[in-house]
Amino acid sequence: MYSHDRTIQAVLRFYQEITRHPYLDDDALIIPPATGWSSINVQGKTETVLELLRHLPYLCPSNAYERLLIYWETVPICYTDGQSHDEIYSLPAHCVYLTSSVDREGTSLILDTHSSTITEYCHTGSYITVSEEEYDALPEADKWKAHRTTPITEFMDAWTRRYEKLVWMLVPNPISQPTTGRFYSRADTSAEEDELVKEEQLRPWRVEDDTNHPDFENELDNAQDDARNSMKKHVTDVYNTYLRHGWPNHFDKYSCRNDMLQLEMIKDAEDRRKMEEMNPDAELFD
């Protein structure tokens, strides 16, 4: 059964958790007054949805051109700006988007007050709960209904725990494009995420060079393997930087942020160097 208060608290716990990470400023999280936000401008929704939007906390950028990040290629929607927010696909009156995607791999979270659930809609077809044939046969506007659906509090609590246990991490993006933050995960699969969440204590993590990997059939395989190893090492550095700065109980967020920015700039420089090695003539076309 849908609960207005439990939904608000679940979203608030999630936002409070991710604003602990060395990316979002504390003041990015805005809390509604007791009477609710007066600037909500959403048409065609039930009073239950409107009442929820009036009392939800939101993450809002300090500048209108900025796009905050809360998950891979996923940005939160802030309904307090008084603007009319277009929907990707027209939803039933009892449903509303909580997030939108930056690119095709982002996730649009759709909250349904009738079923008290959140649906994870992704353009790539991730989280589909029907066969490919059934999915392809659906009208485009109905495809979101075939994606994974989870009770609201269960879903929000699961995402909260992943950030709390540093399974997922948010760090500042030095170039602030296309979003002001970057997302990293220590896991490659949902099952691995679940296992990492169960860890009682966070310990420093080290990824050794894989010197015994089998020969690959072509250079592309080797390049892909090197890229995966390089990213794994970077994610390891990000994770260990959190721990060095006292996560979770004695975390120095802003000192960690400075180190994270340095890490990301070093990564960007290394990525550019590798690109130039692979495409030595690329600068001729800049």
C-alpha atoms as a PDB file:
ATOM      1  CA  MET A   1       0.000   0.000   0.000  1.00  0.00           C
ATOM      2  CA  TYR A   2       1.268   3.458  -0.886  1.00  0.00           C
ATOM      3  CA  SER A   3       2.450   5.625   1.997  1.00  0.00           C
ATOM      4  CA  HIS A   4       3.085   9.332   1.476  1.00  0.00           C
ATOM      5  CA  ASP A   5       5.290   9.630   4.557  1.00  0.00           C
ATOM      6  CA  ARG A   6       7.325   6.451   3.988  1.00  0.00           C
ATOM      7  CA  THR A   7       7.988   7.460   0.389  1.00  0.00           C
ATOM      8  CA  ILE A   8       9.273  10.878   1.430  1.00  0.00           C
ATOM      9  CA  GLN A   9      11.502   9.374   4.117  1.00  0.00           C
ATOM     10  CA  ALA A  10      12.949   6.785   1.718  1.00  0.00           C
ATOM     11  CA  VAL A  11      13.849   9.450  -0.843  1.00  0.00           C
ATOM     12  CA  LEU A  12      15.263  11.695   1.896  1.00  0.00           C
ATOM     13  CA  ARG A  13      17.502   8.908   3.274  1.00  0.00           C
ATOM     14  CA  PHE A  14      18.836   8.278  -0.215  1.00  0.00           C
ATOM     15  CA  TYR A  15      19.585  11.935  -0.910  1.00  0.00           C
ATOM     16  CA  GLN A  16      21.194  12.392   2.488  1.00  0.00           C
ATOM     17  CA  GLU A  17      23.447   9.423   1.822  1.00  0.00           C
ATOM     18  CA  ILE A  18      24.673  10.501  -1.589  1.00  0.00           C
ATOM     19  CA  THR A  19      25.324  14.082  -0.434  1.00  0.00           C
ATOM     20  CA  ARG A  20      27.890  12.560   1.940  1.00  0.00           C
ATOM     21  CA  HIS A  21      29.978  11.626  -1.096  1.00  0.00           C
ATOM     22  CA  PRO A  22      32.765  13.995  -2.218  1.00  0.00           C
ATOM     23  CA  TYR A  23      30.786  15.388  -5.089  1.00  0.00           C
ATOM     24  CA  LEU A  24      27.490  17.016  -4.179  1.00  0.00           C
ATOM     25  CA  ASP A  25      27.564  20.110  -1.990  1.00  0.00           C
ATOM     26  CA  ASP A  26      25.496  19.846   1.161  1.00  0.00           C
ATOM     27  CA  ASP A  27      23.247  22.681   0.033  1.00  0.00           C
ATOM     28  CA  ALA A  28      22.301  20.779  -3.132  1.00  0.00           C
ATOM     29  CA  LEU A  29      19.736  18.977  -0.954  1.00  0.00           C
ATOM     30  CA  ILE A  30      16.713  21.167  -0.344  1.00  0.00           C
ATOM     31  CA  ILE A  31      14.000  20.287   2.179  1.00  0.00           C
ATOM     32  CA  PRO A  32      10.396  21.466   1.745  1.00  0.00           C
ATOM     33  CA  PRO A  33       8.729  23.775   4.250  1.00  0.00           C
ATOM     34  CA  ALA A  34       6.023  22.243   6.421  1.00  0.00           C
ATOM     35  CA  THR A  35       3.367  23.563   4.063  1.00  0.00           C
ATOM     36  CA  GLY A  36       5.115  22.058   1.026  1.00  0.00           C
ATOM     37  CA  TRP A  37       6.661  23.630  -2.074  1.00  0.00           C
ATOM     38  CA  SER A  38       4.408  26.282  -3.598  1.00  0.00           C
ATOM     39  CA  SER A  39       6.101  26.304  -7.018  1.00  0.00           C
ATOM     40  CA  ILE A  40       5.212  22.814  -8.281  1.00  0.00           C
ATOM     41  CA  ASN A  41       3.992  23.109 -11.881  1.00  0.00           C
ATOM     42  CA  VAL A  42       2.973  19.629 -13.047  1.00  0.00           C
ATOM     43  CA  GLN A  43      -0.113  19.059 -15.136  1.00  0.00           C
ATOM     44  CA  GLY A  44      -2.344  16.020 -15.490  1.00  0.00           C
ATOM     45  CA  LYS A  45      -1.417  14.260 -12.254  1.00  0.00           C
ATOM     46  CA  THR A  46      -3.555  12.977  -9.405  1.00  0.00           C
ATOM     47  CA  GLU A  47      -3.741  14.926  -6.189  1.00  0.00           C
ATOM     48  CA  THR A  48      -1.784  12.110  -4.509  1.00  0.00           C
ATOM     49  CA  VAL A  49       1.129  12.641  -6.902  1.00  0.00           C
ATOM     50  CA  LEU A  50       0.967  16.422  -6.577  1.00  0.00           C
ATOM     51  CA  GLU A  51       0.914  16.191  -2.791  1.00  0.00           C
ATOM     52  CA  LEU A  52       3.988  13.975  -2.937  1.00  0.00           C
ATOM     53  CA  LEU A  53       5.855  16.376  -5.233  1.00  0.00           C
ATOM     54  CA  ARG A  54       4.984  19.280  -2.927  1.00  0.00           C
ATOM     55  CA  HIS A  55       6.641  17.525   0.027  1.00  0.00           C
ATOM     56  CA  LEU A  56       9.568  15.671  -1.511  1.00  0.00           C
ATOM     57  CA  PRO A  57      13.143  16.786  -0.859  1.00  0.00           C
ATOM     58  CA  TYR A  58      15.070  17.554  -4.048  1.00  0.00           C
ATOM     59  CA  LEU A  59      18.606  17.811  -5.335  1.00  0.00           C
ATOM     60  CA  CYS A  60      19.048  21.069  -7.204  1.00  0.00           C
ATOM     61  CA  PRO A  61      22.194  22.472  -8.870  1.00  0.00           C
ATOM     62  CA  SER A  62      23.486  25.881  -7.895  1.00  0.00           C
ATOM     63  CA  ASN A  63      23.488  26.905 -11.568  1.00  0.00           C
ATOM     64  CA  ALA A  64      20.686  26.235 -14.030  1.00  0.00           C
ATOM     65  CA  TYR A  65      23.054  24.854 -16.693  1.00  0.00           C
ATOM     66  CA  GLU A  66      24.521  22.192 -14.370  1.00  0.00           C
ATOM     67  CA  ARG A  67      23.306  18.609 -14.353  1.00  0.00           C
ATOM     68  CA  LEU A  68      23.775  16.666 -11.156  1.00  0.00           C
ATOM     69  CA  LEU A  69      24.451  12.937 -11.231  1.00  0.00           C
ATOM     70  CA  ILE A  70      22.994  10.308  -8.903  1.00  0.00           C
ATOM     71  CA  TYR A  71      23.653   7.128 -10.893  1.00  0.00           C
ATOM     72  CA  TRP A  72      25.157   6.070 -14.223  1.00  0.00           C
ATOM     73  CA  GLU A  73      24.044   8.682 -16.785  1.00  0.00           C
ATOM     74  CA  THR A  74      21.088   9.489 -14.513  1.00  0.00           C
ATOM     75  CA  VAL A  75      20.084  12.890 -13.145  1.00  0.00           C
ATOM     76  CA  PRO A  76      17.422  13.790 -10.569  1.00  0.00           C
ATOM     77  CA  ILE A  77      14.416  15.883 -11.520  1.00  0.00           C
ATOM     78  CA  CYS A  78      13.823  18.920  -9.347  1.00  0.00           C
ATOM     79  CA  TYR A  79      10.180  19.981  -9.552  1.00  0.00           C
ATOM     80  CA  THR A  80      10.555  23.129  -7.445  1.00  0.00           C
ATOM     81  CA  ASP A  81      11.775  25.323 -10.297  1.00  0.00           C
ATOM     82  CA  GLY A  82       8.234  26.184 -11.371  1.00  0.00           C
ATOM     83  CA  GLN A  83       8.944  24.872 -14.857  1.00  0.00           C
ATOM     84  CA  SER A  84       6.756  22.466 -16.783  1.00  0.00           C
ATOM     85  CA  HIS A  85       8.665  19.198 -17.099  1.00  0.00           C
ATOM     86  CA  ASP A  86       8.055  17.208 -20.259  1.00  0.00           C
ATOM     87  CA  GLU A  87       7.754  13.454 -19.871  1.00  0.00           C
ATOM     88  CA  ILE A  88       9.800  11.046 -21.983  1.00  0.00           C
ATOM     89  CA  TYR A  89       6.634   9.058 -22.493  1.00  0.00           C
ATOM     90  CA  SER A  90       3.271  10.210 -21.254  1.00  0.00           C
ATOM     91  CA  LEU A  91       2.640   8.429 -17.964  1.00  0.00           C
ATOM     92  CA  PRO A  92      -0.649   7.644 -16.229  1.00  0.00           C
ATOM     93  CA  ALA A  93      -1.846  10.371 -13.876  1.00  0.00           C
ATOM     94  CA  HIS A  94      -0.798   8.304 -10.841  1.00  0.00           C
ATOM     95  CA  CYS A  95       2.833   7.959 -12.046  1.00  0.00           C
ATOM     96  CA  VAL A  96       5.696  10.464 -12.101  1.00  0.00           C
ATOM     97  CA  TYR A  97       9.370  10.543 -13.119  1.00  0.00           C
ATOM     98  CA  LEU A  98      11.927  10.959 -10.334  1.00  0.00           C
ATOM     99  CA  THR A  99      14.950  10.924 -12.662  1.00  0.00           C
ATOM    100  CA  SER A 100      15.814  11.268 -16.328  1.00  0.00           C
ATOM    101  CA  SER A 101      18.649   9.869 -18.418  1.00  0.00           C
ATOM    102  CA  VAL A 102      21.582  11.887 -19.708  1.00  0.00           C
ATOM    103  CA  ASP A 103      22.186   9.404 -22.491  1.00  0.00           C
ATOM    104  CA  ARG A 104      20.744   6.121 -23.704  1.00  0.00           C
ATOM    105  CA  GLU A 105      22.253   4.126 -20.809  1.00  0.00           C
ATOM    106  CA  GLY A 106      20.733   6.308 -18.109  1.00  0.00           C
ATOM    107  CA  THR A 107      17.786   5.208 -15.983  1.00  0.00           C
ATOM    108  CA  SER A 108      14.436   6.938 -15.710  1.00  0.00           C
ATOM    109  CA  LEU A 109      12.889   6.070 -12.354  1.00  0.00           C
ATOM    110  CA  ILE A 110       9.099   6.050 -12.523  1.00  0.00           C
ATOM    111  CA  LEU A 111       7.174   6.174  -9.246  1.00  0.00           C
ATOM    112  CA  ASP A 112       3.661   4.700  -9.222  1.00  0.00           C
ATOM    113  CA  THR A 113       1.457   5.770  -6.324  1.00  0.00           C
ATOM    114  CA  HIS A 114      -1.206   3.138  -7.118  1.00  0.00           C
ATOM    115  CA  SER A 115       1.119   0.166  -6.809  1.00  0.00           C
ATOM    116  CA  SER A 116       3.635   1.890  -4.503  1.00  0.00           C
ATOM    117  CA  THR A 117       6.491   0.876  -6.796  1.00  0.00           C
ATOM    118  CA  ILE A 118       9.417   2.278  -8.748  1.00  0.00           C
ATOM    119  CA  THR A 119      10.084   1.118 -12.295  1.00  0.00           C
ATOM    120  CA  GLU A 120      13.615   1.282 -13.742  1.00  0.00           C
ATOM    121  CA  TYR A 121      13.213   2.334 -17.367  1.00  0.00           C
ATOM    122  CA  CYS A 122      16.316   2.352 -19.574  1.00  0.00           C
ATOM    123  CA  HIS A 123      16.459   2.952 -23.329  1.00  0.00           C
ATOM    124  CA  THR A 124      18.951   0.091 -23.740  1.00  0.00           C
ATOM    125  CA  GLY A 125      16.311  -2.389 -22.622  1.00  0.00           C
ATOM    126  CA  SER A 126      17.966  -3.199 -19.298  1.00  0.00           C
ATOM    127  CA  TYR A 127      15.824  -4.691 -16.534  1.00  0.00           C
ATOM    128  CA  ILE A 128      13.242  -6.129 -18.954  1.00  0.00           C
ATOM    129  CA  THR A 129      10.853  -8.603 -17.344  1.00  0.00           C
ATOM    130  CA  VAL A 130       9.377 -10.103 -20.543  1.00  0.00           C
ATOM    131  CA  SER A 131      10.847 -11.898 -23.543  1.00  0.00           C
ATOM    132  CA  GLU A 132      12.506  -9.873 -26.294  1.00  0.00           C
ATOM    133  CA  GLU A 133       9.715 -10.825 -28.666  1.00  0.00           C
ATOM    134  CA  GLU A 134       7.045  -9.548 -26.259  1.00  0.00           C
ATOM    135  CA  TYR A 135       9.035  -6.397 -25.614  1.00  0.00           C
ATOM    136  CA  ASP A 136       9.529  -5.625 -29.299  1.00  0.00           C
ATOM    137  CA  ALA A 137       5.805  -6.084 -29.911  1.00  0.00           C
ATOM    138  CA  LEU A 138       4.845  -3.439 -27.335  1.00  0.00           C
ATOM    139  CA  PRO A 139       3.948   0.081 -28.486  1.00  0.00           C
ATOM    140  CA  GLU A 140       6.907   2.379 -27.850  1.00  0.00           C
ATOM    141  CA  ALA A 141       4.987   4.367 -25.233  1.00  0.00           C
ATOM    142  CA  ASP A 142       4.234   1.196 -23.242  1.00  0.00           C
ATOM    143  CA  LYS A 143       7.716  -0.311 -23.142  1.00  0.00           C
ATOM    144  CA  TRP A 144       8.466   1.184 -19.730  1.00  0.00           C
ATOM    145  CA  LYS A 145       5.769  -1.037 -18.227  1.00  0.00           C
ATOM    146  CA  ALA A 146       7.839  -4.129 -19.054  1.00  0.00           C
ATOM    147  CA  HIS A 147      10.848  -3.049 -16.994  1.00  0.00           C
ATOM    148  CA  ARG A 148      11.791  -4.173 -13.504  1.00  0.00           C
ATOM    149  CA  THR A 149       9.479  -2.874 -10.781  1.00  0.00           C
ATOM    150  CA  THR A 150      10.252  -2.796  -7.049  1.00  0.00           C
ATOM    151  CA  PRO A 151       8.374  -1.510  -3.960  1.00  0.00           C
ATOM    152  CA  ILE A 152       9.358   2.116  -3.347  1.00  0.00           C
ATOM    153  CA  THR A 153      11.016   1.792   0.047  1.00  0.00           C
ATOM    154  CA  GLU A 154      12.771  -1.448  -0.900  1.00  0.00           C
ATOM    155  CA  PHE A 155      14.162   0.151  -4.034  1.00  0.00           C
ATOM    156  CA  MET A 156      15.323   3.388  -2.392  1.00  0.00           C
ATOM    157  CA  ASP A 157      16.843   1.548   0.567  1.00  0.00           C
ATOM    158  CA  ALA A 158      18.783  -0.751  -1.799  1.00  0.00           C
ATOM    159  CA  TRP A 159      20.274   2.226  -3.657  1.00  0.00           C
ATOM    160  CA  THR A 160      21.038   3.935  -0.341  1.00  0.00           C
ATOM    161  CA  ARG A 161      22.918   0.884   0.943  1.00  0.00           C
ATOM    162  CA  ARG A 162      25.002   0.651  -2.220  1.00  0.00           C
ATOM    163  CA  TYR A 163      26.296   4.151  -1.666  1.00  0.00           C
ATOM    164  CA  GLU A 164      26.712   3.650   2.062  1.00  0.00           C
ATOM    165  CA  LYS A 165      28.890   0.556   1.491  1.00  0.00           C
ATOM    166  CA  LEU A 166      30.822   2.186  -1.354  1.00  0.00           C
ATOM    167  CA  VAL A 167      29.597  -0.331  -3.863  1.00  0.00           C
ATOM    168  CA  TRP A 168      28.624   2.764  -5.837  1.00  0.00           C
ATOM    169  CA  MET A 169      30.564   6.014  -5.615  1.00  0.00           C
ATOM    170  CA  LEU A 170      30.060   9.579  -6.848  1.00  0.00           C
ATOM    171  CA  VAL A 171      33.042  11.854  -7.441  1.00  0.00           C
ATOM    172  CA  PRO A 172      33.433  15.337  -8.948  1.00  0.00           C
ATOM    173  CA  ASN A 173      33.963  15.702 -12.684  1.00  0.00           C
ATOM    174  CA  PRO A 174      36.809  18.186 -13.405  1.00  0.00           C
ATOM    175  CA  ILE A 175      35.275  19.227 -16.724  1.00  0.00           C
ATOM    176  CA  SER A 176      31.666  19.295 -15.414  1.00  0.00           C
ATOM    177  CA  GLN A 177      30.359  17.837 -18.677  1.00  0.00           C
ATOM    178  CA  PRO A 178      27.979  16.263 -19.484  1.00  0.00           C
ATOM    179  CA  THR A 179      27.312  16.113 -15.733  1.00  0.00           C
ATOM    180  CA  THR A 180      29.083  17.684 -12.782  1.00  0.00           C
ATOM    181  CA  GLY A 181      29.867  14.267 -11.306  1.00  0.00           C
ATOM    182  CA  ARG A 182      31.068  10.811 -12.284  1.00  0.00           C
ATOM    183  CA  PHE A 183      29.722   7.437 -11.202  1.00  0.00           C
ATOM    184  CA  TYR A 184      31.815   4.375 -10.368  1.00  0.00           C
ATOM    185  CA  SER A 185      30.860   0.906  -9.210  1.00  0.00           C
ATOM    186  CA  ARG A 186      33.031  -1.765  -7.590  1.00  0.00           C
ATOM    187  CA  ALA A 187      30.735  -4.455  -8.996  1.00  0.00           C
ATOM    188  CA  ASP A 188      30.185  -5.800 -12.486  1.00  0.00           C
ATOM    189  CA  THR A 189      26.855  -7.531 -11.782  1.00  0.00           C
ATOM    190  CA  SER A 190      23.820  -7.143  -9.532  1.00  0.00           C
ATOM    191  CA  ALA A 191      24.790 -10.342  -7.703  1.00  0.00           C
ATOM    192  CA  GLU A 192      28.228  -8.910  -6.960  1.00  0.00           C
ATOM    193  CA  GLU A 193      26.620  -5.698  -5.714  1.00  0.00           C
ATOM    194  CA  ASP A 194      24.477  -7.712  -3.291  1.00  0.00           C
ATOM    195  CA  GLU A 195      27.550  -9.514  -1.957  1.00  0.00           C
ATOM    196  CA  LEU A 196      29.522  -6.308  -1.443  1.00  0.00           C
ATOM    197  CA  VAL A 197      26.608  -4.702   0.418  1.00  0.00           C
ATOM    198  CA  LYS A 198      26.757  -7.540   2.949  1.00  0.00           C
ATOM    199  CA  GLU A 199      30.351  -6.754   3.943  1.00  0.00           C
ATOM    200  CA  GLU A 200      30.390  -5.821   7.618  1.00  0.00           C
ATOM    201  CA  GLN A 201      33.567  -3.773   7.445  1.00  0.00           C
ATOM    202  CA  LEU A 202      35.128  -1.866   4.572  1.00  0.00           C
ATOM    203  CA  ARG A 203      38.796  -2.715   4.031  1.00  0.00           C
ATOM    204  CA  PRO A 204      41.424  -1.331   1.664  1.00  0.00           C
ATOM    205  CA  TRP A 205      41.204  -2.951  -1.744  1.00  0.00           C
ATOM    206  CA  ARG A 206      44.042  -3.890  -4.065  1.00  0.00           C
ATOM    207  CA  VAL A 207      43.774  -5.134  -7.611  1.00  0.00           C
ATOM    208  CA  GLU A 208      46.920  -6.890  -8.769  1.00  0.00           C
ATOM    209  CA  ASP A 209      48.048  -6.772 -12.371  1.00  0.00           C
ATOM    210  CA  ASP A 210      46.761  -9.773 -14.258  1.00  0.00           C
ATOM    211  CA  THR A 211      50.007 -11.122 -15.710  1.00  0.00           C
ATOM    212  CA  ASN A 212      48.642 -14.571 -16.448  1.00  0.00           C
ATOM    213  CA  HIS A 213      45.730 -13.677 -18.695  1.00  0.00           C
ATOM    214  CA  PRO A 214      45.405 -15.926 -21.786  1.00  0.00           C
ATOM    215  CA  ASP A 215      46.440 -14.776 -25.223  1.00  0.00           C
ATOM    216  CA  PHE A 216      43.674 -13.065 -27.155  1.00  0.00           C
ATOM    217  CA  GLU A 217      42.854 -13.557 -30.806  1.00  0.00           C
ATOM    218  CA  ASN A 218      43.455  -9.999 -31.870  1.00  0.00           C
ATOM    219  CA  GLU A 219      44.705  -6.621 -30.730  1.00  0.00           C
ATOM    220  CA  LEU A 220      41.180  -5.365 -30.076  1.00  0.00           C
ATOM    221  CA  ASP A 221      40.684  -7.997 -27.366  1.00  0.00           C
ATOM    222  CA  ASN A 222      43.975  -6.982 -25.782  1.00  0.00           C
ATOM    223  CA  ALA A 223      42.990  -3.312 -25.899  1.00  0.00           C
ATOM    224  CA  GLN A 224      39.628  -4.028 -24.313  1.00  0.00           C
ATOM    225  CA  ASP A 225      41.270  -6.101 -21.586  1.00  0.00           C
ATOM    226  CA  ASP A 226      43.774  -3.313 -20.883  1.00  0.00           C
ATOM    227  CA  ALA A 227      40.947  -0.794 -20.694  1.00  0.00           C
ATOM    228  CA  ARG A 228      39.035  -2.950 -18.212  1.00  0.00           C
ATOM    229  CA  ASN A 229      42.139  -3.402 -16.055  1.00  0.00           C
ATOM    230  CA  SER A 230      42.868   0.313 -16.167  1.00  0.00           C
ATOM    231  CA  MET A 231      39.319   1.191 -15.095  1.00  0.00           C
ATOM    232  CA  LYS A 232      39.403  -1.419 -12.314  1.00  0.00           C
ATOM    233  CA  LYS A 233      42.600   0.107 -10.955  1.00  0.00           C
ATOM    234  CA  HIS A 234      41.071   3.573 -11.086  1.00  0.00           C
ATOM    235  CA  VAL A 235      37.942   2.464  -9.238  1.00  0.00           C
ATOM    236  CA  THR A 236      40.219   0.851  -6.647  1.00  0.00           C
ATOM    237  CA  ASP A 237      42.050   4.160  -6.175  1.00  0.00           C
ATOM    238  CA  VAL A 238      38.744   5.993  -5.809  1.00  0.00           C
ATOM    239  CA  TYR A 239      37.475   3.508  -3.221  1.00  0.00           C
ATOM    240  CA  ASN A 240      40.717   3.549  -1.198  1.00  0.00           C
ATOM    241  CA  THR A 241      40.709   7.349  -1.224  1.00  0.00           C
ATOM    242  CA  TYR A 242      37.347   7.285   0.547  1.00  0.00           C
ATOM    243  CA  LEU A 243      38.796   5.035   3.236  1.00  0.00           C
ATOM    244  CA  ARG A 244      41.920   7.165   3.692  1.00  0.00           C
ATOM    245  CA  HIS A 245      39.689  10.139   4.403  1.00  0.00           C
ATOM    246  CA  GLY A 246      37.755   8.343   7.137  1.00  0.00           C
ATOM    247  CA  TRP A 247      34.706   6.810   5.453  1.00  0.00           C
ATOM    248  CA  PRO A 248      32.177   6.139   6.861  1.00  0.00           C
ATOM    249  CA  ASN A 249      32.243   7.488  10.422  1.00  0.00           C
ATOM    250  CA  HIS A 250      34.981  10.131  10.321  1.00  0.00           C
ATOM    251  CA  PHE A 251      34.792  11.225   6.730  1.00  0.00           C
ATOM    252  CA  ASP A 252      36.451  14.474   5.636  1.00  0.00           C
ATOM    253  CA  LYS A 253      34.335  15.134   2.569  1.00  0.00           C
ATOM    254  CA  TYR A 254      36.015  18.256   1.277  1.00  0.00           C
ATOM    255  CA  SER A 255      39.567  17.037   1.759  1.00  0.00           C
ATOM    256  CA  CYS A 256      38.558  13.863  -0.057  1.00  0.00           C
ATOM    257  CA  ARG A 257      37.024  15.943  -2.836  1.00  0.00           C
ATOM    258  CA  ASN A 258      40.348  17.657  -3.502  1.00  0.00           C
ATOM    259  CA  ASP A 259      42.112  14.314  -3.815  1.00  0.00           C
ATOM    260  CA  MET A 260      39.334  12.938  -6.013  1.00  0.00           C
ATOM    261  CA  LEU A 261      39.675  15.876  -8.394  1.00  0.00           C
ATOM    262  CA  GLN A 262      43.373  15.151  -8.704  1.00  0.00           C
ATOM    263  CA  LEU A 263      42.657  11.482  -9.394  1.00  0.00           C
ATOM    264  CA  GLU A 264      40.143  12.352 -12.101  1.00  0.00           C
ATOM    265  CA  MET A 265      42.479  14.853 -13.767  1.00  0.00           C
ATOM    266  CA  ILE A 266      45.277  12.276 -13.812  1.00  0.00           C
ATOM    267  CA  LYS A 267      42.870   9.732 -15.308  1.00  0.00           C
ATOM    268  CA  ASP A 268      41.731  12.208 -17.971  1.00  0.00           C
ATOM    269  CA  ALA A 269      45.334  13.025 -18.897  1.00  0.00           C
ATOM    270  CA  GLU A 270      46.196   9.330 -19.153  1.00  0.00           C
ATOM    271  CA  ASP A 271      43.109   8.664 -21.269  1.00  0.00           C
ATOM    272  CA  ARG A 272      44.113  11.476 -23.627  1.00  0.00           C
ATOM    273  CA  ARG A 273      47.646  10.105 -23.874  1.00  0.00           C
ATOM    274  CA  LYS A 274      46.360   6.644 -24.793  1.00  0.00           C
ATOM    275  CA  MET A 275      43.974   8.103 -27.364  1.00  0.00           C
ATOM    276  CA  GLU A 276      46.825  10.023 -28.981  1.00  0.00           C
ATOM    277  CA  GLU A 277      48.948   6.867 -29.110  1.00  0.00           C
ATOM    278  CA  MET A 278      46.124   4.966 -30.787  1.00  0.00           C
ATOM    279  CA  ASN A 279      45.294   7.844 -33.177  1.00  0.00           C
ATOM    280  CA  PRO A 280      48.512   9.806 -33.775  1.00  0.00           C
ATOM    281  CA  ASP A 281      46.944  11.778 -36.639  1.00  0.00           C
ATOM    282  CA  ALA A 282      43.806  12.772 -34.710  1.00  0.00           C
ATOM    283  CA  GLU A 283      45.156  16.219 -33.841  1.00  0.00           C
ATOM    284  CA  LEU A 284      45.363  17.052 -37.531  1.00  0.00           C
ATOM    285  CA  PHE A 285      41.561  17.082 -37.634  1.00  0.00           C
ATOM    286  CA  ASP A 286      40.984  19.127 -34.446  1.00  0.00           C
END
